[in-house]
Amino acid sequence: MSNILLGKLEEITDLRSVWKDEARDFTPWLAQNENIDILGQTLGIDINVESTEEAVGDFSADIYAKISNSDEGIIIENQLEQSNHDHLGKILTYASGMKASYVIWIVKKAREEHKAAISWLNEHTDEKIGFFLVEIKLYKIGNSQIAPQFVPVEIPNNWSKQTKSSNSSDNRDLARHLVRLNYWTSFNDSWDLNPEFSKVFRKRKPGKDYWYTLSIGTGEADMSLLKLNIRNSIGIEFRIHDNKALFDSIYSHKEEIEQESDLTFEWDRNDSKLKSSISIEKKAEVDNEEDWPNQFKWFMDTALKMKKALSKYLN
């Protein structure tokens, strides 16, 4: 045991050594699925980015998002420096102008007077809006990759209690979450059903969401397996992050892609949002456990075909 060598955790205090500009560098980084998910998991919110640099009068909010599967809006304002009065005024302007349910103010360092201001807002506004003040930290060990950490400084009153209550009081939500968790757990248990699939894709922890995300080895795009109860179907979505030119480039090869994969896709440029998608669906009895092996096989076979046909155009 005495011979074990441990690295030293170091904090990178100069955020601009990683992101030079908030609008051009940090905001696009945060808007990516894998990064906004880190923030969402920290705060207990499932965040779905709708747009960046959303206009509000003469200003523009860094990120406008919604809680997944709801109409509750989220304003995210980024600041790679110490919090200041200018940004405090902006988040109030955005919250009013966009009728947001939540405001998340991300800063390098929160000043005491701004902690007090956010705390005051949470105490004196109604339950229809909540304010988060969050510090962003960066760490590394030796020459390792840099890892971000979001540290909540101020959160809405009784947020933890409300989150636990909302997750446990609604029996219908709880039942739905348990069914999804069981579905994706069973999918993981069937991982070796297709040996090629298990070599190409990495297993992830099963969750309670209707989607299961697969990494395809690039930050430009990912793939999600979908359990769509409302449409009694399953599907796969190849999502391109905030790059309409890339979608257009891939779409120009639509005929070759569909011919090679022997599949017909729905192509959605989605001009009003950051993400574009290429997707396919199949009717299925999604809650019939006896049919799950057939559904899992379709997921694996189709995901392999999609990745093979689409990935070559990512470069």
C-alpha atoms as a PDB file:
ATOM      1  CA  MET A   1       0.000   0.000   0.000  1.00  0.00           C
ATOM      2  CA  SER A   2       2.896   2.402   0.773  1.00  0.00           C
ATOM      3  CA  ASN A   3       4.042   2.230  -2.875  1.00  0.00           C
ATOM      4  CA  ILE A   4       0.800   3.631  -4.280  1.00  0.00           C
ATOM      5  CA  LEU A   5       1.442   6.956  -6.022  1.00  0.00           C
ATOM      6  CA  LEU A   6      -1.376   9.485  -5.877  1.00  0.00           C
ATOM      7  CA  GLY A   7      -1.668  12.612  -7.983  1.00  0.00           C
ATOM      8  CA  LYS A   8      -2.248  16.070  -6.598  1.00  0.00           C
ATOM      9  CA  LEU A   9      -5.531  17.795  -7.425  1.00  0.00           C
ATOM     10  CA  GLU A  10      -4.789  21.274  -8.762  1.00  0.00           C
ATOM     11  CA  GLU A  11      -7.287  24.073  -9.367  1.00  0.00           C
ATOM     12  CA  ILE A  12      -6.958  26.178 -12.517  1.00  0.00           C
ATOM     13  CA  THR A  13      -7.852  29.650 -11.310  1.00  0.00           C
ATOM     14  CA  ASP A  14      -7.527  31.435 -14.666  1.00  0.00           C
ATOM     15  CA  LEU A  15     -10.727  30.372 -16.428  1.00  0.00           C
ATOM     16  CA  ARG A  16      -9.827  32.438 -19.482  1.00  0.00           C
ATOM     17  CA  SER A  17      -6.824  30.216 -20.101  1.00  0.00           C
ATOM     18  CA  VAL A  18      -9.437  27.632 -21.123  1.00  0.00           C
ATOM     19  CA  TRP A  19     -12.265  29.848 -22.424  1.00  0.00           C
ATOM     20  CA  LYS A  20     -11.012  33.182 -23.739  1.00  0.00           C
ATOM     21  CA  ASP A  21     -14.448  34.644 -24.363  1.00  0.00           C
ATOM     22  CA  GLU A  22     -17.776  34.017 -22.636  1.00  0.00           C
ATOM     23  CA  ALA A  23     -19.967  34.319 -25.729  1.00  0.00           C
ATOM     24  CA  ARG A  24     -17.676  32.675 -28.291  1.00  0.00           C
ATOM     25  CA  ASP A  25     -16.104  29.974 -26.128  1.00  0.00           C
ATOM     26  CA  PHE A  26     -17.786  29.278 -22.778  1.00  0.00           C
ATOM     27  CA  THR A  27     -21.441  29.507 -23.825  1.00  0.00           C
ATOM     28  CA  PRO A  28     -21.086  27.105 -26.825  1.00  0.00           C
ATOM     29  CA  TRP A  29     -19.143  24.715 -24.574  1.00  0.00           C
ATOM     30  CA  LEU A  30     -21.814  24.787 -21.853  1.00  0.00           C
ATOM     31  CA  ALA A  31     -24.633  24.352 -24.403  1.00  0.00           C
ATOM     32  CA  GLN A  32     -23.265  20.956 -25.463  1.00  0.00           C
ATOM     33  CA  ASN A  33     -25.239  18.012 -24.101  1.00  0.00           C
ATOM     34  CA  GLU A  34     -22.482  16.431 -22.047  1.00  0.00           C
ATOM     35  CA  ASN A  35     -21.655  19.740 -20.333  1.00  0.00           C
ATOM     36  CA  ILE A  36     -25.160  21.063 -19.690  1.00  0.00           C
ATOM     37  CA  ASP A  37     -25.915  17.620 -18.218  1.00  0.00           C
ATOM     38  CA  ILE A  38     -23.161  18.142 -15.625  1.00  0.00           C
ATOM     39  CA  LEU A  39     -24.820  21.397 -14.570  1.00  0.00           C
ATOM     40  CA  GLY A  40     -28.268  19.801 -14.583  1.00  0.00           C
ATOM     41  CA  GLN A  41     -27.172  16.843 -12.471  1.00  0.00           C
ATOM     42  CA  THR A  42     -25.545  19.212  -9.964  1.00  0.00           C
ATOM     43  CA  LEU A  43     -28.750  21.250  -9.568  1.00  0.00           C
ATOM     44  CA  GLY A  44     -31.222  18.387  -9.925  1.00  0.00           C
ATOM     45  CA  ILE A  45     -32.749  19.761 -13.156  1.00  0.00           C
ATOM     46  CA  ASP A  46     -33.034  18.021 -16.527  1.00  0.00           C
ATOM     47  CA  ILE A  47     -31.976  20.922 -18.764  1.00  0.00           C
ATOM     48  CA  ASN A  48     -32.739  21.005 -22.494  1.00  0.00           C
ATOM     49  CA  VAL A  49     -31.023  23.885 -24.337  1.00  0.00           C
ATOM     50  CA  GLU A  50     -33.321  25.751 -26.715  1.00  0.00           C
ATOM     51  CA  SER A  51     -31.082  28.568 -27.960  1.00  0.00           C
ATOM     52  CA  THR A  52     -28.015  30.691 -27.231  1.00  0.00           C
ATOM     53  CA  GLU A  53     -27.723  34.486 -27.279  1.00  0.00           C
ATOM     54  CA  GLU A  54     -31.519  34.822 -27.035  1.00  0.00           C
ATOM     55  CA  ALA A  55     -32.558  38.451 -27.579  1.00  0.00           C
ATOM     56  CA  VAL A  56     -34.313  40.284 -24.728  1.00  0.00           C
ATOM     57  CA  GLY A  57     -34.776  43.913 -25.708  1.00  0.00           C
ATOM     58  CA  ASP A  58     -31.337  45.448 -26.254  1.00  0.00           C
ATOM     59  CA  PHE A  59     -29.650  42.528 -24.468  1.00  0.00           C
ATOM     60  CA  SER A  60     -29.227  38.824 -25.157  1.00  0.00           C
ATOM     61  CA  ALA A  61     -29.389  35.974 -22.651  1.00  0.00           C
ATOM     62  CA  ASP A  62     -26.458  33.581 -22.948  1.00  0.00           C
ATOM     63  CA  ILE A  63     -28.596  30.420 -22.915  1.00  0.00           C
ATOM     64  CA  TYR A  64     -32.338  29.887 -22.960  1.00  0.00           C
ATOM     65  CA  ALA A  65     -33.388  26.380 -21.982  1.00  0.00           C
ATOM     66  CA  LYS A  66     -36.368  24.425 -20.694  1.00  0.00           C
ATOM     67  CA  ILE A  67     -36.845  21.644 -18.222  1.00  0.00           C
ATOM     68  CA  SER A  68     -37.210  18.536 -20.382  1.00  0.00           C
ATOM     69  CA  ASN A  69     -40.804  17.590 -21.198  1.00  0.00           C
ATOM     70  CA  SER A  70     -42.193  20.838 -19.744  1.00  0.00           C
ATOM     71  CA  ASP A  71     -42.726  24.491 -20.666  1.00  0.00           C
ATOM     72  CA  GLU A  72     -40.744  25.806 -17.688  1.00  0.00           C
ATOM     73  CA  GLY A  73     -38.109  28.182 -19.037  1.00  0.00           C
ATOM     74  CA  ILE A  74     -34.548  28.516 -17.745  1.00  0.00           C
ATOM     75  CA  ILE A  75     -32.262  31.517 -18.245  1.00  0.00           C
ATOM     76  CA  ILE A  76     -28.527  30.831 -17.898  1.00  0.00           C
ATOM     77  CA  GLU A  77     -26.185  33.823 -17.635  1.00  0.00           C
ATOM     78  CA  ASN A  78     -22.436  33.194 -17.745  1.00  0.00           C
ATOM     79  CA  GLN A  79     -19.636  35.270 -16.241  1.00  0.00           C
ATOM     80  CA  LEU A  80     -16.007  34.138 -16.274  1.00  0.00           C
ATOM     81  CA  GLU A  81     -15.120  36.772 -13.691  1.00  0.00           C
ATOM     82  CA  GLN A  82     -16.255  37.757 -10.227  1.00  0.00           C
ATOM     83  CA  SER A  83     -19.981  38.514 -10.047  1.00  0.00           C
ATOM     84  CA  ASN A  84     -20.934  42.164 -10.633  1.00  0.00           C
ATOM     85  CA  HIS A  85     -23.958  44.461 -10.527  1.00  0.00           C
ATOM     86  CA  ASP A  86     -24.206  44.630 -14.317  1.00  0.00           C
ATOM     87  CA  HIS A  87     -24.903  40.890 -14.615  1.00  0.00           C
ATOM     88  CA  LEU A  88     -27.258  40.968 -11.644  1.00  0.00           C
ATOM     89  CA  GLY A  89     -29.313  43.584 -13.498  1.00  0.00           C
ATOM     90  CA  LYS A  90     -29.222  41.469 -16.648  1.00  0.00           C
ATOM     91  CA  ILE A  91     -30.580  38.329 -15.009  1.00  0.00           C
ATOM     92  CA  LEU A  92     -33.480  40.335 -13.576  1.00  0.00           C
ATOM     93  CA  THR A  93     -34.167  41.809 -17.022  1.00  0.00           C
ATOM     94  CA  TYR A  94     -34.073  38.363 -18.639  1.00  0.00           C
ATOM     95  CA  ALA A  95     -36.246  36.773 -15.968  1.00  0.00           C
ATOM     96  CA  SER A  96     -38.896  39.433 -16.498  1.00  0.00           C
ATOM     97  CA  GLY A  97     -38.677  39.608 -20.289  1.00  0.00           C
ATOM     98  CA  MET A  98     -38.708  35.855 -20.890  1.00  0.00           C
ATOM     99  CA  LYS A  99     -41.059  34.764 -18.090  1.00  0.00           C
ATOM    100  CA  ALA A 100     -38.476  32.286 -16.855  1.00  0.00           C
ATOM    101  CA  SER A 101     -39.206  29.748 -14.134  1.00  0.00           C
ATOM    102  CA  TYR A 102     -35.539  29.510 -13.151  1.00  0.00           C
ATOM    103  CA  VAL A 103     -32.481  31.728 -13.505  1.00  0.00           C
ATOM    104  CA  ILE A 104     -28.993  30.225 -13.243  1.00  0.00           C
ATOM    105  CA  TRP A 105     -26.144  32.752 -12.838  1.00  0.00           C
ATOM    106  CA  ILE A 106     -22.763  31.080 -13.345  1.00  0.00           C
ATOM    107  CA  VAL A 107     -19.704  33.022 -12.136  1.00  0.00           C
ATOM    108  CA  LYS A 108     -16.034  32.484 -11.401  1.00  0.00           C
ATOM    109  CA  LYS A 109     -16.456  33.883  -7.888  1.00  0.00           C
ATOM    110  CA  ALA A 110     -19.623  35.060  -6.137  1.00  0.00           C
ATOM    111  CA  ARG A 111     -19.254  38.266  -4.138  1.00  0.00           C
ATOM    112  CA  GLU A 112     -20.931  38.381  -0.737  1.00  0.00           C
ATOM    113  CA  GLU A 113     -23.334  41.158  -1.717  1.00  0.00           C
ATOM    114  CA  HIS A 114     -24.531  39.126  -4.704  1.00  0.00           C
ATOM    115  CA  LYS A 115     -24.995  36.007  -2.576  1.00  0.00           C
ATOM    116  CA  ALA A 116     -27.169  38.159  -0.317  1.00  0.00           C
ATOM    117  CA  ALA A 117     -29.063  39.570  -3.319  1.00  0.00           C
ATOM    118  CA  ILE A 118     -29.882  36.119  -4.746  1.00  0.00           C
ATOM    119  CA  SER A 119     -30.865  34.879  -1.298  1.00  0.00           C
ATOM    120  CA  TRP A 120     -33.162  37.911  -0.914  1.00  0.00           C
ATOM    121  CA  LEU A 121     -34.757  37.264  -4.305  1.00  0.00           C
ATOM    122  CA  ASN A 122     -35.465  33.634  -3.392  1.00  0.00           C
ATOM    123  CA  GLU A 123     -37.042  34.733  -0.125  1.00  0.00           C
ATOM    124  CA  HIS A 124     -39.191  37.531  -1.560  1.00  0.00           C
ATOM    125  CA  THR A 125     -40.384  36.136  -4.888  1.00  0.00           C
ATOM    126  CA  ASP A 126     -43.170  33.588  -5.254  1.00  0.00           C
ATOM    127  CA  GLU A 127     -42.773  29.892  -6.031  1.00  0.00           C
ATOM    128  CA  LYS A 128     -43.109  30.524  -9.773  1.00  0.00           C
ATOM    129  CA  ILE A 129     -39.448  31.529 -10.061  1.00  0.00           C
ATOM    130  CA  GLY A 130     -36.200  30.397  -8.453  1.00  0.00           C
ATOM    131  CA  PHE A 131     -32.662  31.805  -8.624  1.00  0.00           C
ATOM    132  CA  PHE A 132     -29.410  29.820  -8.603  1.00  0.00           C
ATOM    133  CA  LEU A 133     -25.965  31.363  -8.090  1.00  0.00           C
ATOM    134  CA  VAL A 134     -23.293  28.869  -9.172  1.00  0.00           C
ATOM    135  CA  GLU A 135     -19.494  29.040  -9.232  1.00  0.00           C
ATOM    136  CA  ILE A 136     -17.571  27.243 -11.995  1.00  0.00           C
ATOM    137  CA  LYS A 137     -14.296  25.549 -11.002  1.00  0.00           C
ATOM    138  CA  LEU A 138     -11.644  23.778 -13.069  1.00  0.00           C
ATOM    139  CA  TYR A 139      -9.327  21.038 -11.826  1.00  0.00           C
ATOM    140  CA  LYS A 140      -6.665  18.677 -13.142  1.00  0.00           C
ATOM    141  CA  ILE A 141      -4.288  16.040 -11.811  1.00  0.00           C
ATOM    142  CA  GLY A 142      -0.822  16.293 -13.321  1.00  0.00           C
ATOM    143  CA  ASN A 143      -1.166  16.284 -17.112  1.00  0.00           C
ATOM    144  CA  SER A 144      -4.714  14.933 -17.061  1.00  0.00           C
ATOM    145  CA  GLN A 145      -7.626  16.461 -18.933  1.00  0.00           C
ATOM    146  CA  ILE A 146      -9.204  19.465 -17.250  1.00  0.00           C
ATOM    147  CA  ALA A 147     -12.398  18.660 -15.321  1.00  0.00           C
ATOM    148  CA  PRO A 148     -15.157  21.206 -14.600  1.00  0.00           C
ATOM    149  CA  GLN A 149     -17.132  21.427 -11.378  1.00  0.00           C
ATOM    150  CA  PHE A 150     -20.249  23.489 -10.731  1.00  0.00           C
ATOM    151  CA  VAL A 151     -20.605  24.600  -7.119  1.00  0.00           C
ATOM    152  CA  PRO A 152     -24.047  25.939  -6.067  1.00  0.00           C
ATOM    153  CA  VAL A 153     -23.655  28.971  -3.803  1.00  0.00           C
ATOM    154  CA  GLU A 154     -27.307  30.040  -3.511  1.00  0.00           C
ATOM    155  CA  ILE A 155     -30.347  27.936  -4.441  1.00  0.00           C
ATOM    156  CA  PRO A 156     -34.131  28.513  -4.247  1.00  0.00           C
ATOM    157  CA  ASN A 157     -35.659  28.134  -0.780  1.00  0.00           C
ATOM    158  CA  ASN A 158     -36.369  24.503   0.168  1.00  0.00           C
ATOM    159  CA  TRP A 159     -35.020  23.361  -3.216  1.00  0.00           C
ATOM    160  CA  SER A 160     -33.703  20.023  -1.935  1.00  0.00           C
ATOM    161  CA  LYS A 161     -36.918  19.347  -0.057  1.00  0.00           C
ATOM    162  CA  GLN A 162     -39.056  20.313  -3.069  1.00  0.00           C
ATOM    163  CA  THR A 163     -37.007  18.119  -5.393  1.00  0.00           C
ATOM    164  CA  LYS A 164     -37.365  15.093  -3.143  1.00  0.00           C
ATOM    165  CA  SER A 165     -41.059  15.783  -2.621  1.00  0.00           C
ATOM    166  CA  SER A 166     -41.824  16.201  -6.309  1.00  0.00           C
ATOM    167  CA  ASN A 167     -39.975  12.971  -7.082  1.00  0.00           C
ATOM    168  CA  SER A 168     -41.837  10.961  -4.456  1.00  0.00           C
ATOM    169  CA  SER A 169     -45.318  12.471  -4.240  1.00  0.00           C
ATOM    170  CA  ASP A 170     -46.376  11.860  -7.808  1.00  0.00           C
ATOM    171  CA  ASN A 171     -46.942   8.107  -7.987  1.00  0.00           C
ATOM    172  CA  ARG A 172     -47.481   8.190 -11.726  1.00  0.00           C
ATOM    173  CA  ASP A 173     -44.079   9.768 -12.329  1.00  0.00           C
ATOM    174  CA  LEU A 174     -42.451   7.325  -9.934  1.00  0.00           C
ATOM    175  CA  ALA A 175     -44.026   4.341 -11.665  1.00  0.00           C
ATOM    176  CA  ARG A 176     -42.998   5.649 -15.095  1.00  0.00           C
ATOM    177  CA  HIS A 177     -39.435   6.223 -13.921  1.00  0.00           C
ATOM    178  CA  LEU A 178     -39.197   2.722 -12.481  1.00  0.00           C
ATOM    179  CA  VAL A 179     -40.431   1.178 -15.741  1.00  0.00           C
ATOM    180  CA  ARG A 180     -37.846   3.139 -17.743  1.00  0.00           C
ATOM    181  CA  LEU A 181     -35.090   2.196 -15.305  1.00  0.00           C
ATOM    182  CA  ASN A 182     -36.086  -1.458 -15.616  1.00  0.00           C
ATOM    183  CA  TYR A 183     -36.155  -1.151 -19.417  1.00  0.00           C
ATOM    184  CA  TRP A 184     -32.650   0.317 -19.733  1.00  0.00           C
ATOM    185  CA  THR A 185     -31.279  -2.028 -17.046  1.00  0.00           C
ATOM    186  CA  SER A 186     -32.576  -4.949 -19.101  1.00  0.00           C
ATOM    187  CA  PHE A 187     -31.015  -3.370 -22.182  1.00  0.00           C
ATOM    188  CA  ASN A 188     -27.644  -3.254 -20.396  1.00  0.00           C
ATOM    189  CA  ASP A 189     -28.077  -6.873 -19.346  1.00  0.00           C
ATOM    190  CA  SER A 190     -28.499  -7.728 -23.055  1.00  0.00           C
ATOM    191  CA  TRP A 191     -25.368  -5.795 -24.077  1.00  0.00           C
ATOM    192  CA  ASP A 192     -23.612  -8.866 -25.510  1.00  0.00           C
ATOM    193  CA  LEU A 193     -26.613  -9.767 -27.652  1.00  0.00           C
ATOM    194  CA  ASN A 194     -24.689  -8.212 -30.553  1.00  0.00           C
ATOM    195  CA  PRO A 195     -20.888  -8.611 -30.130  1.00  0.00           C
ATOM    196  CA  GLU A 196     -20.139  -5.928 -32.725  1.00  0.00           C
ATOM    197  CA  PHE A 197     -22.373  -3.444 -30.901  1.00  0.00           C
ATOM    198  CA  SER A 198     -20.597  -4.097 -27.588  1.00  0.00           C
ATOM    199  CA  LYS A 199     -17.250  -3.352 -29.266  1.00  0.00           C
ATOM    200  CA  VAL A 200     -18.364  -0.124 -30.941  1.00  0.00           C
ATOM    201  CA  PHE A 201     -20.397   1.440 -28.107  1.00  0.00           C
ATOM    202  CA  ARG A 202     -19.732   1.828 -24.406  1.00  0.00           C
ATOM    203  CA  LYS A 203     -22.287   0.850 -21.800  1.00  0.00           C
ATOM    204  CA  ARG A 204     -23.618   3.673 -19.624  1.00  0.00           C
ATOM    205  CA  LYS A 205     -25.475   3.705 -16.347  1.00  0.00           C
ATOM    206  CA  PRO A 206     -29.210   3.084 -16.918  1.00  0.00           C
ATOM    207  CA  GLY A 207     -31.473   5.987 -15.980  1.00  0.00           C
ATOM    208  CA  LYS A 208     -35.124   6.915 -15.574  1.00  0.00           C
ATOM    209  CA  ASP A 209     -35.367   8.979 -18.776  1.00  0.00           C
ATOM    210  CA  TYR A 210     -36.996   7.891 -22.020  1.00  0.00           C
ATOM    211  CA  TRP A 211     -33.636   8.158 -23.788  1.00  0.00           C
ATOM    212  CA  TYR A 212     -30.316   6.310 -23.540  1.00  0.00           C
ATOM    213  CA  THR A 213     -27.394   8.256 -25.025  1.00  0.00           C
ATOM    214  CA  LEU A 214     -24.579   6.586 -26.941  1.00  0.00           C
ATOM    215  CA  SER A 215     -21.253   8.316 -27.462  1.00  0.00           C
ATOM    216  CA  ILE A 216     -19.924   8.129 -31.021  1.00  0.00           C
ATOM    217  CA  GLY A 217     -16.451   9.467 -30.290  1.00  0.00           C
ATOM    218  CA  THR A 218     -16.948  13.129 -31.185  1.00  0.00           C
ATOM    219  CA  GLY A 219     -18.265  16.262 -29.522  1.00  0.00           C
ATOM    220  CA  GLU A 220     -20.046  17.215 -32.753  1.00  0.00           C
ATOM    221  CA  ALA A 221     -22.849  14.680 -32.341  1.00  0.00           C
ATOM    222  CA  ASP A 222     -24.261  11.786 -30.355  1.00  0.00           C
ATOM    223  CA  MET A 223     -26.942   9.141 -30.671  1.00  0.00           C
ATOM    224  CA  SER A 224     -29.901   8.467 -28.392  1.00  0.00           C
ATOM    225  CA  LEU A 225     -32.008   5.339 -28.161  1.00  0.00           C
ATOM    226  CA  LEU A 226     -35.636   6.294 -27.460  1.00  0.00           C
ATOM    227  CA  LYS A 227     -38.465   4.538 -25.625  1.00  0.00           C
ATOM    228  CA  LEU A 228     -41.528   6.455 -26.811  1.00  0.00           C
ATOM    229  CA  ASN A 229     -44.539   5.275 -24.848  1.00  0.00           C
ATOM    230  CA  ILE A 230     -46.760   8.077 -26.063  1.00  0.00           C
ATOM    231  CA  ARG A 231     -46.331   6.888 -29.662  1.00  0.00           C
ATOM    232  CA  ASN A 232     -45.989   3.190 -28.780  1.00  0.00           C
ATOM    233  CA  SER A 233     -42.697   3.046 -30.612  1.00  0.00           C
ATOM    234  CA  ILE A 234     -38.935   2.931 -30.223  1.00  0.00           C
ATOM    235  CA  GLY A 235     -36.483   5.098 -32.112  1.00  0.00           C
ATOM    236  CA  ILE A 236     -32.937   6.307 -32.573  1.00  0.00           C
ATOM    237  CA  GLU A 237     -31.935   9.948 -32.929  1.00  0.00           C
ATOM    238  CA  PHE A 238     -28.584  11.095 -34.305  1.00  0.00           C
ATOM    239  CA  ARG A 239     -28.187  14.616 -32.909  1.00  0.00           C
ATOM    240  CA  ILE A 240     -25.822  17.269 -34.270  1.00  0.00           C
ATOM    241  CA  HIS A 241     -24.934  19.996 -31.771  1.00  0.00           C
ATOM    242  CA  ASP A 242     -25.209  23.629 -32.883  1.00  0.00           C
ATOM    243  CA  ASN A 243     -23.744  23.130 -36.369  1.00  0.00           C
ATOM    244  CA  LYS A 244     -26.213  23.685 -39.198  1.00  0.00           C
ATOM    245  CA  ALA A 245     -23.407  23.625 -41.774  1.00  0.00           C
ATOM    246  CA  LEU A 246     -22.492  20.104 -40.683  1.00  0.00           C
ATOM    247  CA  PHE A 247     -26.127  18.988 -40.912  1.00  0.00           C
ATOM    248  CA  ASP A 248     -26.355  20.491 -44.419  1.00  0.00           C
ATOM    249  CA  SER A 249     -23.151  18.727 -45.436  1.00  0.00           C
ATOM    250  CA  ILE A 250     -24.433  15.358 -44.220  1.00  0.00           C
ATOM    251  CA  TYR A 251     -27.866  15.984 -45.747  1.00  0.00           C
ATOM    252  CA  SER A 252     -26.214  16.492 -49.151  1.00  0.00           C
ATOM    253  CA  HIS A 253     -25.313  12.775 -48.964  1.00  0.00           C
ATOM    254  CA  LYS A 254     -28.836  11.697 -47.957  1.00  0.00           C
ATOM    255  CA  GLU A 255     -29.304   9.333 -50.877  1.00  0.00           C
ATOM    256  CA  GLU A 256     -25.977   7.523 -50.359  1.00  0.00           C
ATOM    257  CA  ILE A 257     -26.513   7.287 -46.588  1.00  0.00           C
ATOM    258  CA  GLU A 258     -29.979   5.773 -46.829  1.00  0.00           C
ATOM    259  CA  GLN A 259     -28.893   3.434 -49.592  1.00  0.00           C
ATOM    260  CA  GLU A 260     -25.842   2.216 -47.654  1.00  0.00           C
ATOM    261  CA  SER A 261     -27.735   1.715 -44.389  1.00  0.00           C
ATOM    262  CA  ASP A 262     -30.906   0.389 -46.069  1.00  0.00           C
ATOM    263  CA  LEU A 263     -32.852   2.715 -43.747  1.00  0.00           C
ATOM    264  CA  THR A 264     -35.157   5.695 -44.296  1.00  0.00           C
ATOM    265  CA  PHE A 265     -34.614   8.618 -41.908  1.00  0.00           C
ATOM    266  CA  GLU A 266     -36.448  11.738 -40.778  1.00  0.00           C
ATOM    267  CA  TRP A 267     -34.153  14.718 -41.441  1.00  0.00           C
ATOM    268  CA  ASP A 268     -34.819  17.763 -39.222  1.00  0.00           C
ATOM    269  CA  ARG A 269     -32.579  20.819 -39.567  1.00  0.00           C
ATOM    270  CA  ASN A 270     -34.536  22.392 -36.688  1.00  0.00           C
ATOM    271  CA  ASP A 271     -33.702  26.019 -37.500  1.00  0.00           C
ATOM    272  CA  SER A 272     -35.307  27.385 -34.324  1.00  0.00           C
ATOM    273  CA  LYS A 273     -33.071  25.313 -32.015  1.00  0.00           C
ATOM    274  CA  LEU A 274     -29.412  24.453 -31.557  1.00  0.00           C
ATOM    275  CA  LYS A 275     -29.688  20.768 -32.337  1.00  0.00           C
ATOM    276  CA  SER A 276     -30.424  19.188 -35.694  1.00  0.00           C
ATOM    277  CA  SER A 277     -31.421  15.551 -35.922  1.00  0.00           C
ATOM    278  CA  ILE A 278     -31.522  12.497 -38.148  1.00  0.00           C
ATOM    279  CA  SER A 279     -33.894   9.915 -36.725  1.00  0.00           C
ATOM    280  CA  ILE A 280     -35.816   6.726 -37.305  1.00  0.00           C
ATOM    281  CA  GLU A 281     -38.741   5.095 -35.463  1.00  0.00           C
ATOM    282  CA  LYS A 282     -40.294   1.632 -35.283  1.00  0.00           C
ATOM    283  CA  LYS A 283     -43.658   0.648 -33.826  1.00  0.00           C
ATOM    284  CA  ALA A 284     -43.247  -1.552 -30.743  1.00  0.00           C
ATOM    285  CA  GLU A 285     -45.079  -2.740 -27.639  1.00  0.00           C
ATOM    286  CA  VAL A 286     -42.651  -0.889 -25.402  1.00  0.00           C
ATOM    287  CA  ASP A 287     -44.082  -2.167 -22.093  1.00  0.00           C
ATOM    288  CA  ASN A 288     -44.329  -5.780 -23.216  1.00  0.00           C
ATOM    289  CA  GLU A 289     -41.291  -7.346 -21.539  1.00  0.00           C
ATOM    290  CA  GLU A 290     -41.502 -10.454 -23.709  1.00  0.00           C
ATOM    291  CA  ASP A 291     -40.837  -8.256 -26.747  1.00  0.00           C
ATOM    292  CA  TRP A 292     -37.910  -6.363 -25.217  1.00  0.00           C
ATOM    293  CA  PRO A 293     -35.239  -8.674 -26.690  1.00  0.00           C
ATOM    294  CA  ASN A 294     -36.585  -7.892 -30.177  1.00  0.00           C
ATOM    295  CA  GLN A 295     -36.530  -4.161 -29.406  1.00  0.00           C
ATOM    296  CA  PHE A 296     -32.987  -4.343 -28.024  1.00  0.00           C
ATOM    297  CA  LYS A 297     -31.842  -6.229 -31.121  1.00  0.00           C
ATOM    298  CA  TRP A 298     -33.374  -3.540 -33.335  1.00  0.00           C
ATOM    299  CA  PHE A 299     -31.629  -0.826 -31.303  1.00  0.00           C
ATOM    300  CA  MET A 300     -28.261  -2.520 -31.708  1.00  0.00           C
ATOM    301  CA  ASP A 301     -28.556  -3.432 -35.379  1.00  0.00           C
ATOM    302  CA  THR A 302     -29.910  -0.016 -36.361  1.00  0.00           C
ATOM    303  CA  ALA A 303     -27.456   1.982 -34.238  1.00  0.00           C
ATOM    304  CA  LEU A 304     -24.548   0.180 -35.888  1.00  0.00           C
ATOM    305  CA  LYS A 305     -25.918   0.914 -39.357  1.00  0.00           C
ATOM    306  CA  MET A 306     -26.530   4.572 -38.529  1.00  0.00           C
ATOM    307  CA  LYS A 307     -23.103   5.128 -37.021  1.00  0.00           C
ATOM    308  CA  LYS A 308     -21.364   3.436 -39.935  1.00  0.00           C
ATOM    309  CA  ALA A 309     -23.335   5.386 -42.552  1.00  0.00           C
ATOM    310  CA  LEU A 310     -23.274   8.803 -40.853  1.00  0.00           C
ATOM    311  CA  SER A 311     -19.956   9.036 -38.987  1.00  0.00           C
ATOM    312  CA  LYS A 312     -17.851   9.098 -42.120  1.00  0.00           C
ATOM    313  CA  TYR A 313     -19.332  12.517 -42.968  1.00  0.00           C
ATOM    314  CA  LEU A 314     -18.541  14.127 -39.625  1.00  0.00           C
ATOM    315  CA  ASN A 315     -15.083  15.180 -40.790  1.00  0.00           C
END
